[in-house]
Amino acid sequence: MSSYDAFLSEKRQVDDLVKKGYIMTASKGTLDGDVVEFENKMTSDKKTIRLTHPDSRKYFTTLYIKQQEQMTE
């Protein structure tokens, strides 16, 4: 898998969870990537994914900042 394909795969995982109503609740950076926790506020279902591609990690951070801004408005 090319580096770009790896990024797209991880980006799709994040986008799919967000579309399904999950919000990002926590993130922990490790040497193996960022472990991101999501929670669906309607069902209280929790999901965890690991983002290893640097661009995926940047994408997640951007979405997380936007999410936090929306929650404080």
PDB file of N, CA and C in Angstrom:
ATOM      1  N   MET A   1       0.857  -1.165   0.000  1.00  0.00           N
ATOM      2  CA  MET A   1       0.000   0.000   0.000  1.00  0.00           C
ATOM      3  C   MET A   1       0.902   1.227   0.000  1.00  0.00           C
ATOM      4  N   SER A   2       0.594   2.182  -0.848  1.00  0.00           N
ATOM      5  CA  SER A   2       1.388   3.404  -0.894  1.00  0.00           C
ATOM      6  C   SER A   2       1.105   4.266   0.325  1.00  0.00           C
ATOM      7  N   SER A   3       1.973   5.203   0.561  1.00  0.00           N
ATOM      8  CA  SER A   3       1.811   6.102   1.702  1.00  0.00           C
ATOM      9  C   SER A   3       0.500   6.884   1.591  1.00  0.00           C
ATOM     10  N   TYR A   4       0.186   7.335   0.381  1.00  0.00           N
ATOM     11  CA  TYR A   4      -1.051   8.088   0.189  1.00  0.00           C
ATOM     12  C   TYR A   4      -2.273   7.212   0.444  1.00  0.00           C
ATOM     13  N   ASP A   5      -2.228   5.963   0.004  1.00  0.00           N
ATOM     14  CA  ASP A   5      -3.335   5.034   0.249  1.00  0.00           C
ATOM     15  C   ASP A   5      -3.523   4.788   1.748  1.00  0.00           C
ATOM     16  N   ALA A   6      -2.415   4.709   2.470  1.00  0.00           N
ATOM     17  CA  ALA A   6      -2.496   4.519   3.923  1.00  0.00           C
ATOM     18  C   ALA A   6      -3.175   5.720   4.567  1.00  0.00           C
ATOM     19  N   PHE A   7      -2.807   6.911   4.116  1.00  0.00           N
ATOM     20  CA  PHE A   7      -3.453   8.124   4.620  1.00  0.00           C
ATOM     21  C   PHE A   7      -4.944   8.109   4.331  1.00  0.00           C
ATOM     22  N   LEU A   8      -5.317   7.808   3.089  1.00  0.00           N
ATOM     23  CA  LEU A   8      -6.741   7.791   2.721  1.00  0.00           C
ATOM     24  C   LEU A   8      -7.531   6.787   3.545  1.00  0.00           C
ATOM     25  N   SER A   9      -6.953   5.637   3.794  1.00  0.00           N
ATOM     26  CA  SER A   9      -7.622   4.611   4.586  1.00  0.00           C
ATOM     27  C   SER A   9      -7.902   5.110   6.007  1.00  0.00           C
ATOM     28  N   GLU A  10      -6.918   5.711   6.620  1.00  0.00           N
ATOM     29  CA  GLU A  10      -7.100   6.218   7.980  1.00  0.00           C
ATOM     30  C   GLU A  10      -8.056   7.412   8.001  1.00  0.00           C
ATOM     31  N   LYS A  11      -7.974   8.259   6.993  1.00  0.00           N
ATOM     32  CA  LYS A  11      -8.882   9.410   6.902  1.00  0.00           C
ATOM     33  C   LYS A  11     -10.328   8.936   6.775  1.00  0.00           C
ATOM     34  N   ARG A  12     -10.541   7.904   5.971  1.00  0.00           N
ATOM     35  CA  ARG A  12     -11.896   7.350   5.800  1.00  0.00           C
ATOM     36  C   ARG A  12     -12.437   6.809   7.122  1.00  0.00           C
ATOM     37  N   GLN A  13     -11.583   6.171   7.902  1.00  0.00           N
ATOM     38  CA  GLN A  13     -12.014   5.659   9.201  1.00  0.00           C
ATOM     39  C   GLN A  13     -12.521   6.793  10.083  1.00  0.00           C
ATOM     40  N   VAL A  14     -11.761   7.875  10.132  1.00  0.00           N
ATOM     41  CA  VAL A  14     -12.163   9.034  10.947  1.00  0.00           C
ATOM     42  C   VAL A  14     -13.454   9.622  10.402  1.00  0.00           C
ATOM     43  N   ASP A  15     -13.511   9.859   9.093  1.00  0.00           N
ATOM     44  CA  ASP A  15     -14.697  10.461   8.478  1.00  0.00           C
ATOM     45  C   ASP A  15     -15.944   9.605   8.685  1.00  0.00           C
ATOM     46  N   ASP A  16     -15.807   8.288   8.567  1.00  0.00           N
ATOM     47  CA  ASP A  16     -16.954   7.394   8.757  1.00  0.00           C
ATOM     48  C   ASP A  16     -17.501   7.486  10.176  1.00  0.00           C
ATOM     49  N   LEU A  17     -16.627   7.523  11.146  1.00  0.00           N
ATOM     50  CA  LEU A  17     -17.085   7.618  12.533  1.00  0.00           C
ATOM     51  C   LEU A  17     -17.764   8.960  12.793  1.00  0.00           C
ATOM     52  N   VAL A  18     -17.198  10.032  12.268  1.00  0.00           N
ATOM     53  CA  VAL A  18     -17.798  11.351  12.457  1.00  0.00           C
ATOM     54  C   VAL A  18     -19.174  11.411  11.791  1.00  0.00           C
ATOM     55  N   LYS A  19     -19.302  10.838  10.605  1.00  0.00           N
ATOM     56  CA  LYS A  19     -20.594  10.816   9.905  1.00  0.00           C
ATOM     57  C   LYS A  19     -21.642  10.023  10.673  1.00  0.00           C
ATOM     58  N   LYS A  20     -21.192   9.017  11.424  1.00  0.00           N
ATOM     59  CA  LYS A  20     -22.113   8.181  12.192  1.00  0.00           C
ATOM     60  C   LYS A  20     -22.469   8.802  13.541  1.00  0.00           C
ATOM     61  N   GLY A  21     -22.006  10.014  13.802  1.00  0.00           N
ATOM     62  CA  GLY A  21     -22.382  10.717  15.024  1.00  0.00           C
ATOM     63  C   GLY A  21     -21.409  10.558  16.178  1.00  0.00           C
ATOM     64  N   TYR A  22     -20.230  10.048  15.914  1.00  0.00           N
ATOM     65  CA  TYR A  22     -19.232   9.908  16.967  1.00  0.00           C
ATOM     66  C   TYR A  22     -18.475  11.214  17.137  1.00  0.00           C
ATOM     67  N   ILE A  23     -18.099  11.503  18.373  1.00  0.00           N
ATOM     68  CA  ILE A  23     -17.233  12.647  18.625  1.00  0.00           C
ATOM     69  C   ILE A  23     -15.925  12.128  19.216  1.00  0.00           C
ATOM     70  N   MET A  24     -14.879  12.877  19.010  1.00  0.00           N
ATOM     71  CA  MET A  24     -13.570  12.496  19.528  1.00  0.00           C
ATOM     72  C   MET A  24     -13.508  12.877  21.000  1.00  0.00           C
ATOM     73  N   THR A  25     -13.200  11.909  21.839  1.00  0.00           N
ATOM     74  CA  THR A  25     -13.189  12.172  23.270  1.00  0.00           C
ATOM     75  C   THR A  25     -11.795  12.186  23.870  1.00  0.00           C
ATOM     76  N   ALA A  26     -10.841  11.519  23.234  1.00  0.00           N
ATOM     77  CA  ALA A  26      -9.488  11.473  23.780  1.00  0.00           C
ATOM     78  C   ALA A  26      -8.503  11.060  22.702  1.00  0.00           C
ATOM     79  N   SER A  27      -7.262  11.445  22.930  1.00  0.00           N
ATOM     80  CA  SER A  27      -6.186  11.065  22.028  1.00  0.00           C
ATOM     81  C   SER A  27      -4.919  10.882  22.845  1.00  0.00           C
ATOM     82  N   LYS A  28      -4.188   9.841  22.503  1.00  0.00           N
ATOM     83  CA  LYS A  28      -2.926   9.593  23.190  1.00  0.00           C
ATOM     84  C   LYS A  28      -1.866   9.318  22.131  1.00  0.00           C
ATOM     85  N   GLY A  29      -0.818  10.124  22.128  1.00  0.00           N
ATOM     86  CA  GLY A  29       0.267   9.935  21.183  1.00  0.00           C
ATOM     87  C   GLY A  29       1.245   8.891  21.679  1.00  0.00           C
ATOM     88  N   THR A  30       1.586   7.968  20.814  1.00  0.00           N
ATOM     89  CA  THR A  30       2.587   6.954  21.139  1.00  0.00           C
ATOM     90  C   THR A  30       3.602   6.909  20.009  1.00  0.00           C
ATOM     91  N   LEU A  31       4.656   6.146  20.199  1.00  0.00           N
ATOM     92  CA  LEU A  31       5.649   6.002  19.142  1.00  0.00           C
ATOM     93  C   LEU A  31       5.089   5.242  17.949  1.00  0.00           C
ATOM     94  N   ASP A  32       4.021   4.486  18.156  1.00  0.00           N
ATOM     95  CA  ASP A  32       3.392   3.710  17.087  1.00  0.00           C
ATOM     96  C   ASP A  32       2.231   4.438  16.429  1.00  0.00           C
ATOM     97  N   GLY A  33       1.958   5.675  16.824  1.00  0.00           N
ATOM     98  CA  GLY A  33       0.861   6.434  16.251  1.00  0.00           C
ATOM     99  C   GLY A  33      -0.031   7.008  17.334  1.00  0.00           C
ATOM    100  N   ASP A  34      -1.047   7.720  16.926  1.00  0.00           N
ATOM    101  CA  ASP A  34      -2.014   8.292  17.863  1.00  0.00           C
ATOM    102  C   ASP A  34      -3.170   7.322  18.050  1.00  0.00           C
ATOM    103  N   VAL A  35      -3.502   7.054  19.288  1.00  0.00           N
ATOM    104  CA  VAL A  35      -4.674   6.247  19.615  1.00  0.00           C
ATOM    105  C   VAL A  35      -5.800   7.230  19.907  1.00  0.00           C
ATOM    106  N   VAL A  36      -6.846   7.171  19.095  1.00  0.00           N
ATOM    107  CA  VAL A  36      -7.943   8.130  19.186  1.00  0.00           C
ATOM    108  C   VAL A  36      -9.203   7.400  19.634  1.00  0.00           C
ATOM    109  N   GLU A  37      -9.853   7.965  20.645  1.00  0.00           N
ATOM    110  CA  GLU A  37     -11.096   7.389  21.159  1.00  0.00           C
ATOM    111  C   GLU A  37     -12.273   8.232  20.691  1.00  0.00           C
ATOM    112  N   PHE A  38     -13.308   7.548  20.253  1.00  0.00           N
ATOM    113  CA  PHE A  38     -14.540   8.176  19.793  1.00  0.00           C
ATOM    114  C   PHE A  38     -15.695   7.647  20.640  1.00  0.00           C
ATOM    115  N   GLU A  39     -16.712   8.483  20.805  1.00  0.00           N
ATOM    116  CA  GLU A  39     -17.920   8.050  21.508  1.00  0.00           C
ATOM    117  C   GLU A  39     -19.141   8.597  20.786  1.00  0.00           C
ATOM    118  N   ASN A  40     -20.142   7.728  20.621  1.00  0.00           N
ATOM    119  CA  ASN A  40     -21.400   8.142  20.034  1.00  0.00           C
ATOM    120  C   ASN A  40     -22.293   8.606  21.177  1.00  0.00           C
ATOM    121  N   LYS A  41     -22.639   9.876  21.188  1.00  0.00           N
ATOM    122  CA  LYS A  41     -23.422  10.440  22.286  1.00  0.00           C
ATOM    123  C   LYS A  41     -24.844   9.878  22.350  1.00  0.00           C
ATOM    124  N   MET A  42     -25.362   9.407  21.213  1.00  0.00           N
ATOM    125  CA  MET A  42     -26.722   8.860  21.199  1.00  0.00           C
ATOM    126  C   MET A  42     -26.778   7.462  21.801  1.00  0.00           C
ATOM    127  N   THR A  43     -25.775   6.648  21.503  1.00  0.00           N
ATOM    128  CA  THR A  43     -25.804   5.248  21.931  1.00  0.00           C
ATOM    129  C   THR A  43     -24.776   4.916  23.008  1.00  0.00           C
ATOM    130  N   SER A  44     -23.876   5.858  23.312  1.00  0.00           N
ATOM    131  CA  SER A  44     -22.774   5.653  24.263  1.00  0.00           C
ATOM    132  C   SER A  44     -21.793   4.578  23.799  1.00  0.00           C
ATOM    133  N   ASP A  45     -21.870   4.212  22.533  1.00  0.00           N
ATOM    134  CA  ASP A  45     -20.933   3.243  21.967  1.00  0.00           C
ATOM    135  C   ASP A  45     -19.573   3.903  21.814  1.00  0.00           C
ATOM    136  N   LYS A  46     -18.512   3.158  22.127  1.00  0.00           N
ATOM    137  CA  LYS A  46     -17.155   3.705  22.036  1.00  0.00           C
ATOM    138  C   LYS A  46     -16.342   2.924  21.024  1.00  0.00           C
ATOM    139  N   LYS A  47     -15.499   3.640  20.294  1.00  0.00           N
ATOM    140  CA  LYS A  47     -14.606   3.038  19.302  1.00  0.00           C
ATOM    141  C   LYS A  47     -13.218   3.636  19.504  1.00  0.00           C
ATOM    142  N   THR A  48     -12.204   2.837  19.202  1.00  0.00           N
ATOM    143  CA  THR A  48     -10.824   3.292  19.279  1.00  0.00           C
ATOM    144  C   THR A  48     -10.120   2.932  17.979  1.00  0.00           C
ATOM    145  N   ILE A  49      -9.380   3.891  17.428  1.00  0.00           N
ATOM    146  CA  ILE A  49      -8.590   3.621  16.229  1.00  0.00           C
ATOM    147  C   ILE A  49      -7.170   4.134  16.452  1.00  0.00           C
ATOM    148  N   ARG A  50      -6.236   3.590  15.688  1.00  0.00           N
ATOM    149  CA  ARG A  50      -4.844   4.046  15.739  1.00  0.00           C
ATOM    150  C   ARG A  50      -4.501   4.685  14.400  1.00  0.00           C
ATOM    151  N   LEU A  51      -4.014   5.919  14.471  1.00  0.00           N
ATOM    152  CA  LEU A  51      -3.597   6.643  13.281  1.00  0.00           C
ATOM    153  C   LEU A  51      -2.073   6.656  13.245  1.00  0.00           C
ATOM    154  N   THR A  52      -1.500   6.068  12.202  1.00  0.00           N
ATOM    155  CA  THR A  52      -0.053   5.965  12.117  1.00  0.00           C
ATOM    156  C   THR A  52       0.559   6.907  11.081  1.00  0.00           C
ATOM    157  N   HIS A  53      -0.214   7.316  10.096  1.00  0.00           N
ATOM    158  CA  HIS A  53       0.306   8.184   9.042  1.00  0.00           C
ATOM    159  C   HIS A  53       0.339   9.630   9.555  1.00  0.00           C
ATOM    160  N   PRO A  54       1.443  10.345   9.343  1.00  0.00           N
ATOM    161  CA  PRO A  54       1.544  11.730   9.829  1.00  0.00           C
ATOM    162  C   PRO A  54       0.421  12.638   9.326  1.00  0.00           C
ATOM    163  N   ASP A  55       0.021  12.491   8.071  1.00  0.00           N
ATOM    164  CA  ASP A  55      -1.056  13.332   7.544  1.00  0.00           C
ATOM    165  C   ASP A  55      -2.402  12.995   8.183  1.00  0.00           C
ATOM    166  N   SER A  56      -2.627  11.749   8.528  1.00  0.00           N
ATOM    167  CA  SER A  56      -3.852  11.358   9.226  1.00  0.00           C
ATOM    168  C   SER A  56      -3.895  11.980  10.616  1.00  0.00           C
ATOM    169  N   ARG A  57      -2.743  12.009  11.242  1.00  0.00           N
ATOM    170  CA  ARG A  57      -2.651  12.599  12.578  1.00  0.00           C
ATOM    171  C   ARG A  57      -2.918  14.100  12.519  1.00  0.00           C
ATOM    172  N   LYS A  58      -2.414  14.765  11.503  1.00  0.00           N
ATOM    173  CA  LYS A  58      -2.677  16.193  11.316  1.00  0.00           C
ATOM    174  C   LYS A  58      -4.163  16.423  11.028  1.00  0.00           C
ATOM    175  N   TYR A  59      -4.739  15.575  10.191  1.00  0.00           N
ATOM    176  CA  TYR A  59      -6.160  15.686   9.845  1.00  0.00           C
ATOM    177  C   TYR A  59      -7.024  15.539  11.095  1.00  0.00           C
ATOM    178  N   PHE A  60      -6.718  14.532  11.899  1.00  0.00           N
ATOM    179  CA  PHE A  60      -7.462  14.331  13.138  1.00  0.00           C
ATOM    180  C   PHE A  60      -7.351  15.556  14.041  1.00  0.00           C
ATOM    181  N   THR A  61      -6.158  16.095  14.184  1.00  0.00           N
ATOM    182  CA  THR A  61      -5.954  17.247  15.057  1.00  0.00           C
ATOM    183  C   THR A  61      -6.784  18.437  14.597  1.00  0.00           C
ATOM    184  N   THR A  62      -6.833  18.658  13.293  1.00  0.00           N
ATOM    185  CA  THR A  62      -7.634  19.752  12.753  1.00  0.00           C
ATOM    186  C   THR A  62      -9.117  19.563  13.070  1.00  0.00           C
ATOM    187  N   LEU A  63      -9.613  18.348  12.873  1.00  0.00           N
ATOM    188  CA  LEU A  63     -11.021  18.070  13.182  1.00  0.00           C
ATOM    189  C   LEU A  63     -11.309  18.210  14.669  1.00  0.00           C
ATOM    190  N   TYR A  64     -10.366  17.769  15.481  1.00  0.00           N
ATOM    191  CA  TYR A  64     -10.551  17.838  16.941  1.00  0.00           C
ATOM    192  C   TYR A  64     -10.634  19.294  17.403  1.00  0.00           C
ATOM    193  N   ILE A  65      -9.781  20.149  16.857  1.00  0.00           N
ATOM    194  CA  ILE A  65      -9.819  21.565  17.215  1.00  0.00           C
ATOM    195  C   ILE A  65     -11.149  22.185  16.788  1.00  0.00           C
ATOM    196  N   LYS A  66     -11.609  21.871  15.582  1.00  0.00           N
ATOM    197  CA  LYS A  66     -12.909  22.383  15.120  1.00  0.00           C
ATOM    198  C   LYS A  66     -14.035  21.897  16.013  1.00  0.00           C
ATOM    199  N   GLN A  67     -13.974  20.622  16.412  1.00  0.00           N
ATOM    200  CA  GLN A  67     -14.999  20.053  17.286  1.00  0.00           C
ATOM    201  C   GLN A  67     -15.028  20.804  18.618  1.00  0.00           C
ATOM    202  N   GLN A  68     -13.880  21.072  19.176  1.00  0.00           N
ATOM    203  CA  GLN A  68     -13.800  21.775  20.456  1.00  0.00           C
ATOM    204  C   GLN A  68     -14.332  23.203  20.334  1.00  0.00           C
ATOM    205  N   GLU A  69     -14.031  23.860  19.227  1.00  0.00           N
ATOM    206  CA  GLU A  69     -14.551  25.219  18.999  1.00  0.00           C
ATOM    207  C   GLU A  69     -16.065  25.227  18.913  1.00  0.00           C
ATOM    208  N   GLN A  70     -16.628  24.209  18.240  1.00  0.00           N
ATOM    209  CA  GLN A  70     -18.086  24.135  18.103  1.00  0.00           C
ATOM    210  C   GLN A  70     -18.760  23.869  19.445  1.00  0.00           C
ATOM    211  N   MET A  71     -18.094  23.108  20.290  1.00  0.00           N
ATOM    212  CA  MET A  71     -18.682  22.771  21.583  1.00  0.00           C
ATOM    213  C   MET A  71     -18.679  23.955  22.547  1.00  0.00           C
ATOM    214  N   THR A  72     -17.776  24.914  22.334  1.00  0.00           N
ATOM    215  CA  THR A  72     -17.713  26.065  23.229  1.00  0.00           C
ATOM    216  C   THR A  72     -18.561  27.224  22.759  1.00  0.00           C
ATOM    217  N   GLU A  73     -19.103  27.145  21.565  1.00  0.00           N
ATOM    218  CA  GLU A  73     -19.951  28.225  21.050  1.00  0.00           C
ATOM    219  C   GLU A  73     -21.311  28.189  21.666  1.00  0.00           C
TER     220      GLU A  73
END
